[in-house]
ModelCIF file with pLDDT and N, C-alpha, C, O atoms, coordinates in Angstrom:
data_MODEL
#
_entry.id   MODEL 
#
_entity.id                         1 
_entity.type                       polymer 
_entity.pdbx_number_of_molecules   1 
#
_entity_poly.entity_id                      1 
_entity_poly.type                           'polypeptide(L)' 
_entity_poly.nstd_linkage                   no 
_entity_poly.nstd_monomer                   no 
_entity_poly.pdbx_seq_one_letter_code       
;(UNK)(UNK)(UNK)(UNK)(UNK)(UNK)(UNK)(UNK)(UNK)(UNK)(UNK)(UNK)(UNK)(UNK)(UNK)(UNK)
(UNK)(UNK)(UNK)(UNK)(UNK)(UNK)(UNK)(UNK)(UNK)(UNK)(UNK)(UNK)(UNK)(UNK)(UNK)(UNK)
(UNK)(UNK)(UNK)(UNK)
;
_entity_poly.pdbx_seq_one_letter_code_can   XXXXXXXXXXXXXXXXXXXXXXXXXXXXXXXXXXXX 
_entity_poly.pdbx_strand_id                 A 
#
loop_
_entity_poly_seq.entity_id 
_entity_poly_seq.num 
_entity_poly_seq.mon_id 
_entity_poly_seq.hetero 
1 1  UNK n 
1 2  UNK n 
1 3  UNK n 
1 4  UNK n 
1 5  UNK n 
1 6  UNK n 
1 7  UNK n 
1 8  UNK n 
1 9  UNK n 
1 10 UNK n 
1 11 UNK n 
1 12 UNK n 
1 13 UNK n 
1 14 UNK n 
1 15 UNK n 
1 16 UNK n 
1 17 UNK n 
1 18 UNK n 
1 19 UNK n 
1 20 UNK n 
1 21 UNK n 
1 22 UNK n 
1 23 UNK n 
1 24 UNK n 
1 25 UNK n 
1 26 UNK n 
1 27 UNK n 
1 28 UNK n 
1 29 UNK n 
1 30 UNK n 
1 31 UNK n 
1 32 UNK n 
1 33 UNK n 
1 34 UNK n 
1 35 UNK n 
1 36 UNK n 
#
_struct_asym.id          A 
_struct_asym.entity_id   1 
#
loop_
_ma_qa_metric.id 
_ma_qa_metric.mode 
_ma_qa_metric.name 
_ma_qa_metric.software_group_id 
_ma_qa_metric.type 
1 global pLDDT . pLDDT 
2 local  pLDDT . pLDDT 
#
_ma_qa_metric_global.metric_id      1 
_ma_qa_metric_global.metric_value   85.81 
_ma_qa_metric_global.model_id       1 
_ma_qa_metric_global.ordinal_id     1 
#
loop_
_ma_qa_metric_local.label_asym_id 
_ma_qa_metric_local.label_comp_id 
_ma_qa_metric_local.label_seq_id 
_ma_qa_metric_local.metric_id 
_ma_qa_metric_local.metric_value 
_ma_qa_metric_local.model_id 
_ma_qa_metric_local.ordinal_id 
A UNK 1  2 69.00 1 1  
A UNK 2  2 64.00 1 2  
A UNK 3  2 68.00 1 3  
A UNK 4  2 63.00 1 4  
A UNK 5  2 57.00 1 5  
A UNK 6  2 64.00 1 6  
A UNK 7  2 75.00 1 7  
A UNK 8  2 74.00 1 8  
A UNK 9  2 82.00 1 9  
A UNK 10 2 81.00 1 10 
A UNK 11 2 84.00 1 11 
A UNK 12 2 87.00 1 12 
A UNK 13 2 91.00 1 13 
A UNK 14 2 91.00 1 14 
A UNK 15 2 92.00 1 15 
A UNK 16 2 89.00 1 16 
A UNK 17 2 88.00 1 17 
A UNK 18 2 86.00 1 18 
A UNK 19 2 83.00 1 19 
A UNK 20 2 89.00 1 20 
A UNK 21 2 90.00 1 21 
A UNK 22 2 92.00 1 22 
A UNK 23 2 93.00 1 23 
A UNK 24 2 94.00 1 24 
A UNK 25 2 94.00 1 25 
A UNK 26 2 94.00 1 26 
A UNK 27 2 94.00 1 27 
A UNK 28 2 96.00 1 28 
A UNK 29 2 95.00 1 29 
A UNK 30 2 94.00 1 30 
A UNK 31 2 95.00 1 31 
A UNK 32 2 97.00 1 32 
A UNK 33 2 96.00 1 33 
A UNK 34 2 95.00 1 34 
A UNK 35 2 96.00 1 35 
A UNK 36 2 97.00 1 36 
#
loop_
_atom_site.group_PDB 
_atom_site.id 
_atom_site.type_symbol 
_atom_site.label_atom_id 
_atom_site.label_alt_id 
_atom_site.label_comp_id 
_atom_site.label_asym_id 
_atom_site.label_entity_id 
_atom_site.label_seq_id 
_atom_site.pdbx_PDB_ins_code 
_atom_site.Cartn_x 
_atom_site.Cartn_y 
_atom_site.Cartn_z 
_atom_site.occupancy 
_atom_site.B_iso_or_equiv 
_atom_site.pdbx_formal_charge 
_atom_site.auth_seq_id 
_atom_site.auth_comp_id 
_atom_site.auth_asym_id 
_atom_site.auth_atom_id 
_atom_site.pdbx_PDB_model_num 
ATOM 1   N N  . UNK A 1 1  ? -89.979  -81.846 -135.187 1.00 69.00 ? 1  UNK A N  1 
ATOM 2   C CA . UNK A 1 1  ? -90.973  -81.378 -136.639 1.00 69.00 ? 1  UNK A CA 1 
ATOM 3   C C  . UNK A 1 1  ? -91.230  -79.667 -136.345 1.00 69.00 ? 1  UNK A C  1 
ATOM 4   O O  . UNK A 1 1  ? -92.339  -79.476 -136.845 1.00 69.00 ? 1  UNK A O  1 
ATOM 5   N N  . UNK A 1 2  ? -90.858  -78.659 -135.913 1.00 64.00 ? 2  UNK A N  1 
ATOM 6   C CA . UNK A 1 2  ? -91.806  -77.869 -135.799 1.00 64.00 ? 2  UNK A CA 1 
ATOM 7   C C  . UNK A 1 2  ? -92.961  -77.702 -135.370 1.00 64.00 ? 2  UNK A C  1 
ATOM 8   O O  . UNK A 1 2  ? -93.596  -76.685 -135.648 1.00 64.00 ? 2  UNK A O  1 
ATOM 9   N N  . UNK A 1 3  ? -93.699  -79.176 -134.217 1.00 68.00 ? 3  UNK A N  1 
ATOM 10  C CA . UNK A 1 3  ? -94.758  -79.423 -133.224 1.00 68.00 ? 3  UNK A CA 1 
ATOM 11  C C  . UNK A 1 3  ? -94.070  -79.087 -131.965 1.00 68.00 ? 3  UNK A C  1 
ATOM 12  O O  . UNK A 1 3  ? -92.914  -79.394 -131.674 1.00 68.00 ? 3  UNK A O  1 
ATOM 13  N N  . UNK A 1 4  ? -95.134  -78.244 -131.061 1.00 63.00 ? 4  UNK A N  1 
ATOM 14  C CA . UNK A 1 4  ? -94.806  -78.010 -130.145 1.00 63.00 ? 4  UNK A CA 1 
ATOM 15  C C  . UNK A 1 4  ? -95.863  -79.229 -128.633 1.00 63.00 ? 4  UNK A C  1 
ATOM 16  O O  . UNK A 1 4  ? -95.526  -79.299 -127.451 1.00 63.00 ? 4  UNK A O  1 
ATOM 17  N N  . UNK A 1 5  ? -97.124  -79.998 -129.312 1.00 57.00 ? 5  UNK A N  1 
ATOM 18  C CA . UNK A 1 5  ? -98.052  -80.461 -128.990 1.00 57.00 ? 5  UNK A CA 1 
ATOM 19  C C  . UNK A 1 5  ? -97.620  -82.147 -128.128 1.00 57.00 ? 5  UNK A C  1 
ATOM 20  O O  . UNK A 1 5  ? -96.605  -82.777 -128.424 1.00 57.00 ? 5  UNK A O  1 
ATOM 21  N N  . UNK A 1 6  ? -98.310  -82.463 -127.409 1.00 64.00 ? 6  UNK A N  1 
ATOM 22  C CA . UNK A 1 6  ? -98.574  -83.707 -126.326 1.00 64.00 ? 6  UNK A CA 1 
ATOM 23  C C  . UNK A 1 6  ? -97.648  -84.554 -126.182 1.00 64.00 ? 6  UNK A C  1 
ATOM 24  O O  . UNK A 1 6  ? -97.415  -85.758 -126.287 1.00 64.00 ? 6  UNK A O  1 
ATOM 25  N N  . UNK A 1 7  ? -96.868  -82.924 -125.724 1.00 75.00 ? 7  UNK A N  1 
ATOM 26  C CA . UNK A 1 7  ? -95.051  -83.853 -125.216 1.00 75.00 ? 7  UNK A CA 1 
ATOM 27  C C  . UNK A 1 7  ? -95.370  -83.560 -123.494 1.00 75.00 ? 7  UNK A C  1 
ATOM 28  O O  . UNK A 1 7  ? -94.577  -82.937 -122.788 1.00 75.00 ? 7  UNK A O  1 
ATOM 29  N N  . UNK A 1 8  ? -96.839  -84.204 -122.926 1.00 74.00 ? 8  UNK A N  1 
ATOM 30  C CA . UNK A 1 8  ? -95.943  -83.649 -121.336 1.00 74.00 ? 8  UNK A CA 1 
ATOM 31  C C  . UNK A 1 8  ? -96.077  -83.145 -120.443 1.00 74.00 ? 8  UNK A C  1 
ATOM 32  O O  . UNK A 1 8  ? -96.229  -83.423 -119.253 1.00 74.00 ? 8  UNK A O  1 
ATOM 33  N N  . UNK A 1 9  ? -95.963  -81.464 -121.661 1.00 82.00 ? 9  UNK A N  1 
ATOM 34  C CA . UNK A 1 9  ? -96.614  -80.666 -120.938 1.00 82.00 ? 9  UNK A CA 1 
ATOM 35  C C  . UNK A 1 9  ? -97.267  -79.824 -121.186 1.00 82.00 ? 9  UNK A C  1 
ATOM 36  O O  . UNK A 1 9  ? -97.095  -79.225 -122.247 1.00 82.00 ? 9  UNK A O  1 
ATOM 37  N N  . UNK A 1 10 ? -98.661  -79.312 -119.946 1.00 81.00 ? 10 UNK A N  1 
ATOM 38  C CA . UNK A 1 10 ? -99.839  -78.935 -120.331 1.00 81.00 ? 10 UNK A CA 1 
ATOM 39  C C  . UNK A 1 10 ? -100.852 -79.629 -119.712 1.00 81.00 ? 10 UNK A C  1 
ATOM 40  O O  . UNK A 1 10 ? -100.742 -80.270 -118.667 1.00 81.00 ? 10 UNK A O  1 
ATOM 41  N N  . UNK A 1 11 ? -101.730 -79.503 -120.306 1.00 84.00 ? 11 UNK A N  1 
ATOM 42  C CA . UNK A 1 11 ? -103.199 -80.868 -120.270 1.00 84.00 ? 11 UNK A CA 1 
ATOM 43  C C  . UNK A 1 11 ? -104.144 -79.455 -119.838 1.00 84.00 ? 11 UNK A C  1 
ATOM 44  O O  . UNK A 1 11 ? -104.837 -79.241 -120.833 1.00 84.00 ? 11 UNK A O  1 
ATOM 45  N N  . UNK A 1 12 ? -104.416 -78.553 -118.926 1.00 87.00 ? 12 UNK A N  1 
ATOM 46  C CA . UNK A 1 12 ? -105.313 -78.047 -118.137 1.00 87.00 ? 12 UNK A CA 1 
ATOM 47  C C  . UNK A 1 12 ? -107.022 -78.388 -118.243 1.00 87.00 ? 12 UNK A C  1 
ATOM 48  O O  . UNK A 1 12 ? -108.077 -78.029 -118.767 1.00 87.00 ? 12 UNK A O  1 
ATOM 49  N N  . UNK A 1 13 ? -106.180 -79.704 -116.994 1.00 91.00 ? 13 UNK A N  1 
ATOM 50  C CA . UNK A 1 13 ? -107.960 -81.035 -116.847 1.00 91.00 ? 13 UNK A CA 1 
ATOM 51  C C  . UNK A 1 13 ? -108.760 -80.038 -116.439 1.00 91.00 ? 13 UNK A C  1 
ATOM 52  O O  . UNK A 1 13 ? -108.284 -78.904 -116.380 1.00 91.00 ? 13 UNK A O  1 
ATOM 53  N N  . UNK A 1 14 ? -110.470 -80.332 -115.989 1.00 91.00 ? 14 UNK A N  1 
ATOM 54  C CA . UNK A 1 14 ? -110.327 -79.232 -115.249 1.00 91.00 ? 14 UNK A CA 1 
ATOM 55  C C  . UNK A 1 14 ? -110.926 -80.294 -113.322 1.00 91.00 ? 14 UNK A C  1 
ATOM 56  O O  . UNK A 1 14 ? -110.969 -81.485 -113.012 1.00 91.00 ? 14 UNK A O  1 
ATOM 57  N N  . UNK A 1 15 ? -111.066 -79.729 -113.000 1.00 92.00 ? 15 UNK A N  1 
ATOM 58  C CA . UNK A 1 15 ? -110.787 -80.443 -111.648 1.00 92.00 ? 15 UNK A CA 1 
ATOM 59  C C  . UNK A 1 15 ? -111.996 -79.560 -110.798 1.00 92.00 ? 15 UNK A C  1 
ATOM 60  O O  . UNK A 1 15 ? -112.511 -78.500 -111.155 1.00 92.00 ? 15 UNK A O  1 
ATOM 61  N N  . UNK A 1 16 ? -112.294 -80.415 -109.463 1.00 89.00 ? 16 UNK A N  1 
ATOM 62  C CA . UNK A 1 16 ? -113.067 -79.445 -108.610 1.00 89.00 ? 16 UNK A CA 1 
ATOM 63  C C  . UNK A 1 16 ? -112.393 -78.304 -108.296 1.00 89.00 ? 16 UNK A C  1 
ATOM 64  O O  . UNK A 1 16 ? -111.204 -77.986 -108.334 1.00 89.00 ? 16 UNK A O  1 
ATOM 65  N N  . UNK A 1 17 ? -113.784 -77.547 -107.856 1.00 88.00 ? 17 UNK A N  1 
ATOM 66  C CA . UNK A 1 17 ? -113.277 -75.848 -107.287 1.00 88.00 ? 17 UNK A CA 1 
ATOM 67  C C  . UNK A 1 17 ? -113.351 -76.038 -106.042 1.00 88.00 ? 17 UNK A C  1 
ATOM 68  O O  . UNK A 1 17 ? -113.979 -75.140 -105.479 1.00 88.00 ? 17 UNK A O  1 
ATOM 69  N N  . UNK A 1 18 ? -112.915 -76.952 -105.275 1.00 86.00 ? 18 UNK A N  1 
ATOM 70  C CA . UNK A 1 18 ? -113.100 -77.043 -103.685 1.00 86.00 ? 18 UNK A CA 1 
ATOM 71  C C  . UNK A 1 18 ? -112.149 -77.710 -103.623 1.00 86.00 ? 18 UNK A C  1 
ATOM 72  O O  . UNK A 1 18 ? -111.828 -78.513 -104.499 1.00 86.00 ? 18 UNK A O  1 
ATOM 73  N N  . UNK A 1 19 ? -111.112 -77.364 -101.889 1.00 83.00 ? 19 UNK A N  1 
ATOM 74  C CA . UNK A 1 19 ? -110.168 -78.142 -101.824 1.00 83.00 ? 19 UNK A CA 1 
ATOM 75  C C  . UNK A 1 19 ? -110.375 -79.524 -101.542 1.00 83.00 ? 19 UNK A C  1 
ATOM 76  O O  . UNK A 1 19 ? -109.176 -79.787 -101.457 1.00 83.00 ? 19 UNK A O  1 
ATOM 77  N N  . UNK A 1 20 ? -110.959 -80.675 -101.319 1.00 89.00 ? 20 UNK A N  1 
ATOM 78  C CA . UNK A 1 20 ? -111.237 -82.149 -101.194 1.00 89.00 ? 20 UNK A CA 1 
ATOM 79  C C  . UNK A 1 20 ? -109.837 -82.734 -101.191 1.00 89.00 ? 20 UNK A C  1 
ATOM 80  O O  . UNK A 1 20 ? -109.430 -83.160 -102.271 1.00 89.00 ? 20 UNK A O  1 
ATOM 81  N N  . UNK A 1 21 ? -109.179 -82.801 -100.315 1.00 90.00 ? 21 UNK A N  1 
ATOM 82  C CA . UNK A 1 21 ? -107.657 -83.480 -100.637 1.00 90.00 ? 21 UNK A CA 1 
ATOM 83  C C  . UNK A 1 21 ? -108.088 -84.442 -101.275 1.00 90.00 ? 21 UNK A C  1 
ATOM 84  O O  . UNK A 1 21 ? -107.482 -84.406 -102.346 1.00 90.00 ? 21 UNK A O  1 
ATOM 85  N N  . UNK A 1 22 ? -108.757 -85.272 -101.274 1.00 92.00 ? 22 UNK A N  1 
ATOM 86  C CA . UNK A 1 22 ? -109.321 -86.952 -101.864 1.00 92.00 ? 22 UNK A CA 1 
ATOM 87  C C  . UNK A 1 22 ? -109.256 -86.547 -102.974 1.00 92.00 ? 22 UNK A C  1 
ATOM 88  O O  . UNK A 1 22 ? -108.449 -87.164 -103.669 1.00 92.00 ? 22 UNK A O  1 
ATOM 89  N N  . UNK A 1 23 ? -109.972 -85.453 -103.628 1.00 93.00 ? 23 UNK A N  1 
ATOM 90  C CA . UNK A 1 23 ? -110.247 -85.422 -105.162 1.00 93.00 ? 23 UNK A CA 1 
ATOM 91  C C  . UNK A 1 23 ? -109.512 -84.424 -105.864 1.00 93.00 ? 23 UNK A C  1 
ATOM 92  O O  . UNK A 1 23 ? -109.627 -84.130 -107.054 1.00 93.00 ? 23 UNK A O  1 
ATOM 93  N N  . UNK A 1 24 ? -108.842 -83.991 -105.120 1.00 94.00 ? 24 UNK A N  1 
ATOM 94  C CA . UNK A 1 24 ? -107.282 -83.288 -105.615 1.00 94.00 ? 24 UNK A CA 1 
ATOM 95  C C  . UNK A 1 24 ? -106.457 -83.763 -105.860 1.00 94.00 ? 24 UNK A C  1 
ATOM 96  O O  . UNK A 1 24 ? -105.748 -83.470 -106.823 1.00 94.00 ? 24 UNK A O  1 
ATOM 97  N N  . UNK A 1 25 ? -106.279 -84.586 -105.142 1.00 94.00 ? 25 UNK A N  1 
ATOM 98  C CA . UNK A 1 25 ? -105.113 -85.757 -105.265 1.00 94.00 ? 25 UNK A CA 1 
ATOM 99  C C  . UNK A 1 25 ? -105.517 -86.746 -106.685 1.00 94.00 ? 25 UNK A C  1 
ATOM 100 O O  . UNK A 1 25 ? -104.758 -87.139 -107.572 1.00 94.00 ? 25 UNK A O  1 
ATOM 101 N N  . UNK A 1 26 ? -106.798 -86.941 -106.542 1.00 94.00 ? 26 UNK A N  1 
ATOM 102 C CA . UNK A 1 26 ? -107.168 -88.461 -107.512 1.00 94.00 ? 26 UNK A CA 1 
ATOM 103 C C  . UNK A 1 26 ? -106.816 -87.674 -109.233 1.00 94.00 ? 26 UNK A C  1 
ATOM 104 O O  . UNK A 1 26 ? -105.843 -87.690 -109.987 1.00 94.00 ? 26 UNK A O  1 
ATOM 105 N N  . UNK A 1 27 ? -107.912 -87.172 -109.269 1.00 94.00 ? 27 UNK A N  1 
ATOM 106 C CA . UNK A 1 27 ? -107.200 -85.722 -110.503 1.00 94.00 ? 27 UNK A CA 1 
ATOM 107 C C  . UNK A 1 27 ? -105.554 -85.731 -110.552 1.00 94.00 ? 27 UNK A C  1 
ATOM 108 O O  . UNK A 1 27 ? -105.042 -86.501 -111.364 1.00 94.00 ? 27 UNK A O  1 
ATOM 109 N N  . UNK A 1 28 ? -104.884 -85.096 -109.909 1.00 96.00 ? 28 UNK A N  1 
ATOM 110 C CA . UNK A 1 28 ? -103.542 -85.016 -109.894 1.00 96.00 ? 28 UNK A CA 1 
ATOM 111 C C  . UNK A 1 28 ? -102.824 -87.145 -109.676 1.00 96.00 ? 28 UNK A C  1 
ATOM 112 O O  . UNK A 1 28 ? -102.133 -87.989 -110.249 1.00 96.00 ? 28 UNK A O  1 
ATOM 113 N N  . UNK A 1 29 ? -102.990 -87.103 -109.434 1.00 95.00 ? 29 UNK A N  1 
ATOM 114 C CA . UNK A 1 29 ? -102.271 -88.538 -110.389 1.00 95.00 ? 29 UNK A CA 1 
ATOM 115 C C  . UNK A 1 29 ? -103.566 -89.681 -111.529 1.00 95.00 ? 29 UNK A C  1 
ATOM 116 O O  . UNK A 1 29 ? -103.178 -90.841 -111.671 1.00 95.00 ? 29 UNK A O  1 
ATOM 117 N N  . UNK A 1 30 ? -104.712 -89.379 -112.116 1.00 94.00 ? 30 UNK A N  1 
ATOM 118 C CA . UNK A 1 30 ? -104.969 -89.492 -113.658 1.00 94.00 ? 30 UNK A CA 1 
ATOM 119 C C  . UNK A 1 30 ? -103.613 -88.884 -114.013 1.00 94.00 ? 30 UNK A C  1 
ATOM 120 O O  . UNK A 1 30 ? -102.672 -89.575 -114.402 1.00 94.00 ? 30 UNK A O  1 
ATOM 121 N N  . UNK A 1 31 ? -103.539 -87.075 -113.804 1.00 95.00 ? 31 UNK A N  1 
ATOM 122 C CA . UNK A 1 31 ? -103.541 -86.814 -114.796 1.00 95.00 ? 31 UNK A CA 1 
ATOM 123 C C  . UNK A 1 31 ? -101.577 -86.770 -115.135 1.00 95.00 ? 31 UNK A C  1 
ATOM 124 O O  . UNK A 1 31 ? -101.102 -86.810 -116.270 1.00 95.00 ? 31 UNK A O  1 
ATOM 125 N N  . UNK A 1 32 ? -100.763 -86.685 -113.867 1.00 97.00 ? 32 UNK A N  1 
ATOM 126 C CA . UNK A 1 32 ? -99.276  -87.032 -113.539 1.00 97.00 ? 32 UNK A CA 1 
ATOM 127 C C  . UNK A 1 32 ? -98.979  -88.198 -114.325 1.00 97.00 ? 32 UNK A C  1 
ATOM 128 O O  . UNK A 1 32 ? -98.079  -88.245 -115.163 1.00 97.00 ? 32 UNK A O  1 
ATOM 129 N N  . UNK A 1 33 ? -100.334 -89.830 -113.818 1.00 96.00 ? 33 UNK A N  1 
ATOM 130 C CA . UNK A 1 33 ? -99.554  -90.699 -115.693 1.00 96.00 ? 33 UNK A CA 1 
ATOM 131 C C  . UNK A 1 33 ? -100.020 -90.382 -116.707 1.00 96.00 ? 33 UNK A C  1 
ATOM 132 O O  . UNK A 1 33 ? -99.192  -90.266 -117.610 1.00 96.00 ? 33 UNK A O  1 
ATOM 133 N N  . UNK A 1 34 ? -101.034 -90.180 -116.965 1.00 95.00 ? 34 UNK A N  1 
ATOM 134 C CA . UNK A 1 34 ? -101.230 -89.450 -118.634 1.00 95.00 ? 34 UNK A CA 1 
ATOM 135 C C  . UNK A 1 34 ? -99.478  -88.631 -119.163 1.00 95.00 ? 34 UNK A C  1 
ATOM 136 O O  . UNK A 1 34 ? -98.548  -88.943 -119.908 1.00 95.00 ? 34 UNK A O  1 
ATOM 137 N N  . UNK A 1 35 ? -99.843  -87.412 -118.191 1.00 96.00 ? 35 UNK A N  1 
ATOM 138 C CA . UNK A 1 35 ? -98.786  -86.651 -118.584 1.00 96.00 ? 35 UNK A CA 1 
ATOM 139 C C  . UNK A 1 35 ? -97.390  -87.590 -118.847 1.00 96.00 ? 35 UNK A C  1 
ATOM 140 O O  . UNK A 1 35 ? -96.788  -87.464 -119.914 1.00 96.00 ? 35 UNK A O  1 
ATOM 141 N N  . UNK A 1 36 ? -96.799  -88.771 -117.548 1.00 97.00 ? 36 UNK A N  1 
ATOM 142 C CA . UNK A 1 36 ? -95.640  -89.055 -117.845 1.00 97.00 ? 36 UNK A CA 1 
ATOM 143 C C  . UNK A 1 36 ? -95.723  -89.466 -119.182 1.00 97.00 ? 36 UNK A C  1 
ATOM 144 O O  . UNK A 1 36 ? -94.710  -89.822 -119.783 1.00 97.00 ? 36 UNK A O  1 
#
């Protein structure tokens, strides 16, 4: 119906500015689940 939103593309979630592997992996896990 002409709407592009809420379809598992994008999100733009704030994550830690450091490259701490565990912190980044945790954010990826949660956002991936939600987007799927």
